[in-house]
């Protein structure tokens, strides 16, 4: 389906917390686009929200609301159990973290790209011949 994108936590967080890249994320994800992610995104958002709260950059209510609303953001949350084998292969073969590899495995499985704000992930994917699976959020 045109207009589908795998969104990672680095981009999803920008929809909940004001940080560099927030306006670009709103533009990229605010239209007629279907968002997919491994269900790992729920835990990653909980981690990000906790970190932002500990740094004093948001309120406890806003952090909790961000975690609670991630399910509504996604059109599809894919169980990591369905991605684990390929994520392991990508992590062991190419040196990605298993977390990043789960997003890449989903993108590969669906013929999509991961929209990320993680320039290091994009560089590693390019170095490994997997640039077709990622797209860096334009600042």
Protein backbone atom coordinates (compact mmCIF):
# COMPACT_ATOMS: atom_id res chain seq x y z
CA UNK A 1 0.00 0.00 0.00
CA UNK A 2 1.46 3.40 -0.94
CA UNK A 3 1.93 5.70 2.00
CA UNK A 4 3.15 3.09 4.46
CA UNK A 5 6.24 3.64 6.55
CA UNK A 6 7.98 1.84 9.38
CA UNK A 7 8.53 4.44 12.07
CA UNK A 8 11.17 3.99 14.73
CA UNK A 9 11.26 5.37 18.25
CA UNK A 10 13.64 8.20 17.36
CA UNK A 11 10.98 9.67 15.08
CA UNK A 12 7.87 8.67 17.04
CA UNK A 13 9.23 10.44 20.13
CA UNK A 14 9.36 13.71 18.20
CA UNK A 15 5.57 13.63 17.96
CA UNK A 16 5.28 13.68 21.75
CA UNK A 17 8.25 15.70 22.94
CA UNK A 18 9.52 18.94 21.42
CA UNK A 19 13.06 18.37 20.21
CA UNK A 20 15.10 18.98 17.08
CA UNK A 21 13.26 17.41 14.17
CA UNK A 22 9.78 17.68 15.73
CA UNK A 23 8.37 19.93 12.97
CA UNK A 24 9.75 17.62 10.27
CA UNK A 25 8.30 14.54 11.98
CA UNK A 26 4.90 16.19 12.20
CA UNK A 27 4.98 16.98 8.48
CA UNK A 28 6.25 13.49 7.51
CA UNK A 29 3.77 11.58 9.64
CA UNK A 30 0.81 13.92 9.73
CA UNK A 31 -0.65 13.15 6.33
CA UNK A 32 -2.20 10.12 4.70
CA UNK A 33 0.51 7.71 5.78
CA UNK A 34 0.04 4.37 7.52
CA UNK A 35 2.52 3.82 10.34
CA UNK A 36 3.89 0.40 11.21
CA UNK A 37 6.40 -0.61 13.85
CA UNK A 38 7.50 -3.64 15.78
CA UNK A 39 5.60 -3.74 19.06
CA UNK A 40 9.00 -3.08 20.63
CA UNK A 41 8.11 0.58 20.01
CA UNK A 42 5.87 0.56 23.10
CA UNK A 43 8.80 -0.26 25.39
CA UNK A 44 11.16 2.09 23.60
CA UNK A 45 8.67 4.94 24.03
CA UNK A 46 8.35 4.12 27.72
CA UNK A 47 12.13 4.33 28.01
CA UNK A 48 12.30 7.63 26.11
CA UNK A 49 9.46 9.14 28.14
CA UNK A 50 11.14 8.14 31.40
CA UNK A 51 14.44 9.65 30.27
CA UNK A 52 12.83 12.91 29.15
CA UNK A 53 10.95 13.10 32.48
CA UNK A 54 14.10 12.44 34.54
CA UNK A 55 15.89 15.24 32.66
CA UNK A 56 13.06 17.59 33.62
CA UNK A 57 12.09 18.22 29.99
CA UNK A 58 8.44 17.20 30.40
CA UNK A 59 5.82 16.65 33.06
CA UNK A 60 4.89 13.27 34.48
CA UNK A 61 1.43 13.63 32.94
CA UNK A 62 2.80 14.38 29.47
CA UNK A 63 5.28 11.50 29.66
CA UNK A 64 2.56 9.07 30.75
CA UNK A 65 0.22 10.35 28.03
CA UNK A 66 2.90 9.80 25.40
CA UNK A 67 3.34 6.18 26.46
CA UNK A 68 -0.41 5.60 26.61
CA UNK A 69 -1.07 7.02 23.15
CA UNK A 70 1.54 5.17 21.11
CA UNK A 71 -0.98 2.46 20.22
CA UNK A 72 -3.23 5.10 18.66
CA UNK A 73 -0.31 6.43 16.60
CA UNK A 74 0.29 3.12 14.83
CA UNK A 75 -1.86 1.56 12.17
CA UNK A 76 -0.14 -1.74 12.86
CA UNK A 77 2.09 -2.99 15.65
CA UNK A 78 3.87 -6.13 14.48
CA UNK A 79 4.82 -8.65 17.17
CA UNK A 80 8.57 -8.89 17.59
CA UNK A 81 8.13 -12.66 17.70
CA UNK A 82 7.40 -12.46 13.97
CA UNK A 83 10.61 -10.50 13.37
CA UNK A 84 13.04 -12.01 15.87
CA UNK A 85 14.75 -14.54 13.61
CA UNK A 86 15.48 -12.06 10.83
CA UNK A 87 16.43 -9.39 13.39
CA UNK A 88 18.93 -11.83 14.89
CA UNK A 89 20.38 -12.57 11.46
CA UNK A 90 20.74 -8.87 10.65
CA UNK A 91 22.22 -8.09 14.05
CA UNK A 92 24.76 -10.88 13.89
CA UNK A 93 25.66 -10.42 10.22
CA UNK A 94 25.68 -6.64 9.95
CA UNK A 95 26.33 -5.44 13.50
CA UNK A 96 23.02 -3.69 14.16
CA UNK A 97 21.49 -3.86 17.60
CA UNK A 98 18.69 -6.42 17.70
CA UNK A 99 16.36 -3.50 18.44
CA UNK A 100 17.31 -1.60 15.28
CA UNK A 101 17.33 -4.86 13.34
CA UNK A 102 13.70 -5.50 14.30
CA UNK A 103 12.68 -2.29 12.50
CA UNK A 104 14.85 -3.21 9.52
CA UNK A 105 13.43 -6.73 9.42
CA UNK A 106 9.90 -5.31 9.33
CA UNK A 107 10.84 -2.89 6.54
CA UNK A 108 12.43 -5.71 4.57
CA UNK A 109 9.46 -8.02 5.13
CA UNK A 110 6.96 -5.42 3.91
CA UNK A 111 9.07 -3.80 1.18
CA UNK A 112 9.12 -0.48 3.06
CA UNK A 113 11.66 1.86 4.63
CA UNK A 114 12.31 2.76 8.24
CA UNK A 115 11.95 6.47 8.87
CA UNK A 116 14.54 7.29 11.50
CA UNK A 117 16.29 10.26 13.05
CA UNK A 118 19.26 8.02 13.87
CA UNK A 119 22.00 9.05 11.45
CA UNK A 120 24.27 6.30 12.79
CA UNK A 121 21.68 3.66 11.86
CA UNK A 122 21.41 5.12 8.36
CA UNK A 123 25.21 5.14 7.94
CA UNK A 124 25.52 1.53 9.10
CA UNK A 125 22.70 0.47 6.74
CA UNK A 126 24.44 2.26 3.87
CA UNK A 127 27.78 0.64 4.75
CA UNK A 128 26.12 -2.79 4.75
CA UNK A 129 24.31 -2.36 1.43
CA UNK A 130 20.93 -1.91 3.11
CA UNK A 131 20.34 1.77 2.35
CA UNK A 132 17.09 0.81 0.60
CA UNK A 133 15.62 -0.07 4.02
CA UNK A 134 16.13 3.31 5.73
CA UNK A 135 15.39 6.97 5.29
CA UNK A 136 16.76 9.72 7.51
CA UNK A 137 14.26 12.28 8.77
CA UNK A 138 15.23 15.52 7.08
CA UNK A 139 16.01 18.28 9.55
